[in-house]
Structures are given as structure tokens and as C-alpha cells.
Amino acid sequence: MKRTMYALIISSLVIWLSGCVSTGPLEVTSNNGPTNLVGEASCTKIFFLARLGDCSYEAAKHNGNITTVHHTDSQITNYFIVLKEKTIVYGTK
């Protein structure tokens, strides 16, 4: 009985503490044409209380030296109490 209970607890913890990743488009503008520049900005949020880094659109635009934004993406990885977020901006100078 103890072995079964330990196995159930361990498997529940493994599933509960595993990370999940979500990626999706955020914004699309009417600026059509080729996108030859990519800018990224990332931040880490700990227990939704503390935020380390800057994952804003402006930071991503600055990092990629972009002036005209074509579209943006966001990638979010969740590790139970730690959330890692990356903003990706595509555009031209």
C-alpha cells in the first residue's frame, strides 16, 4: 500500500511540476512586405510577484533595431511558479 501511495505522489508531482510552452501571434499590422529584422526581449516572472527583465515590444524593437513592425509573437514557458516570457518582433528598419 505504501509503495502504491508513494508512486501516486511521485507521478502526481512530476506531472504537476512539468513545464508547458505556449507560442502564438499577438499583433499583426498593415505593414506588408519582407521582414528582414527580428528583435527579441525576454523576462522572468517569479510567482507572479517579481519580474526580472524587460519583455516589452519597445525593448524587442530596440534589440532588433526595428522601426516599422510587421508582426509580433510571444512565447511563454510556465514552470509552476516561474514564468518565462519572450516577445519576438518582426519588421524592417
Protein backbone atom coordinates (compact mmCIF):
# COMPACT_ATOMS: atom_id res chain seq x y z
CA MET A 1 0.00 0.00 0.00
CA LYS A 2 2.85 2.37 0.85
CA ARG A 3 4.59 1.72 -2.46
CA THR A 4 1.41 2.47 -4.37
CA MET A 5 0.88 5.69 -2.42
CA TYR A 6 4.49 6.82 -3.00
CA ALA A 7 4.22 6.02 -6.71
CA LEU A 8 0.99 8.01 -6.95
CA ILE A 9 2.51 11.00 -5.15
CA ILE A 10 5.69 10.96 -7.24
CA SER A 11 3.80 10.68 -10.55
CA SER A 12 1.44 13.47 -9.50
CA LEU A 13 4.37 15.74 -8.63
CA VAL A 14 6.11 15.01 -11.92
CA ILE A 15 3.01 15.93 -13.90
CA TRP A 16 2.24 18.97 -11.73
CA LEU A 17 5.77 20.41 -11.83
CA SER A 18 6.41 19.84 -15.53
CA GLY A 19 6.59 22.93 -17.71
CA CYS A 20 4.35 23.86 -20.57
CA VAL A 21 5.10 26.09 -23.54
CA SER A 22 2.69 28.30 -25.42
CA THR A 23 3.53 30.25 -28.57
CA GLY A 24 1.23 32.41 -30.61
CA PRO A 25 0.89 35.55 -32.67
CA LEU A 26 -0.01 38.69 -30.78
CA GLU A 27 -0.35 41.52 -33.22
CA VAL A 28 -0.39 41.92 -36.99
CA THR A 29 -0.14 45.34 -38.61
CA SER A 30 -0.97 46.53 -42.11
CA ASN A 31 2.74 46.92 -42.89
CA ASN A 32 3.15 44.35 -45.65
CA GLY A 33 6.39 43.32 -47.25
CA PRO A 34 9.54 41.46 -46.35
CA THR A 35 10.65 41.27 -42.75
CA ASN A 36 14.42 41.19 -42.65
CA LEU A 37 14.91 42.08 -38.99
CA VAL A 38 13.98 40.18 -35.83
CA GLY A 39 14.14 41.58 -32.29
CA GLU A 40 13.68 39.62 -29.07
CA ALA A 41 13.15 40.64 -25.47
CA SER A 42 12.63 38.30 -22.53
CA CYS A 43 11.75 38.41 -18.86
CA THR A 44 11.17 36.03 -15.97
CA LYS A 45 8.26 36.30 -13.56
CA ILE A 46 8.56 34.56 -10.22
CA PHE A 47 5.28 33.55 -8.58
CA PHE A 48 3.57 36.44 -10.39
CA LEU A 49 5.10 38.84 -7.85
CA ALA A 50 8.60 39.68 -9.07
CA ARG A 51 9.55 40.41 -12.67
CA LEU A 52 13.16 40.24 -13.84
CA GLY A 53 13.99 41.73 -17.25
CA ASP A 54 12.06 43.67 -19.86
CA CYS A 55 9.85 41.78 -22.31
CA SER A 56 8.05 44.78 -23.81
CA TYR A 57 7.51 45.49 -27.51
CA GLU A 58 9.73 48.56 -27.28
CA ALA A 59 12.62 46.54 -25.85
CA ALA A 60 12.27 43.94 -28.62
CA LYS A 61 12.13 46.69 -31.26
CA HIS A 62 15.23 48.31 -29.79
CA ASN A 63 17.13 44.99 -29.61
CA GLY A 64 16.36 44.27 -33.29
CA ASN A 65 16.90 47.88 -34.46
CA ILE A 66 13.35 47.86 -35.91
CA THR A 67 11.33 50.97 -36.74
CA THR A 68 8.44 49.50 -38.77
CA VAL A 69 6.77 46.48 -37.14
CA HIS A 70 5.26 43.81 -39.38
CA HIS A 71 4.05 41.35 -36.74
CA THR A 72 4.86 40.11 -33.25
CA ASP A 73 4.91 36.75 -31.47
CA SER A 74 5.02 35.75 -27.85
CA GLN A 75 6.46 32.59 -26.31
CA ILE A 76 5.52 31.70 -22.74
CA THR A 77 7.06 28.84 -20.76
CA ASN A 78 5.50 28.01 -17.40
CA TYR A 79 7.38 26.10 -14.70
CA PHE A 80 4.77 26.13 -11.92
CA ILE A 81 5.94 29.24 -10.02
CA VAL A 82 8.40 30.58 -12.62
CA LEU A 83 7.06 32.03 -15.87
CA LYS A 84 9.47 32.84 -18.70
CA GLU A 85 8.13 35.15 -21.39
CA LYS A 86 9.75 36.12 -24.70
CA THR A 87 8.44 38.79 -27.08
CA ILE A 88 9.55 38.49 -30.71
CA VAL A 89 9.09 41.40 -33.13
CA TYR A 90 9.50 41.12 -36.92
CA GLY A 91 9.91 44.17 -39.11
CA THR A 92 12.16 46.48 -41.09
CA LYS A 93 14.31 49.50 -40.42
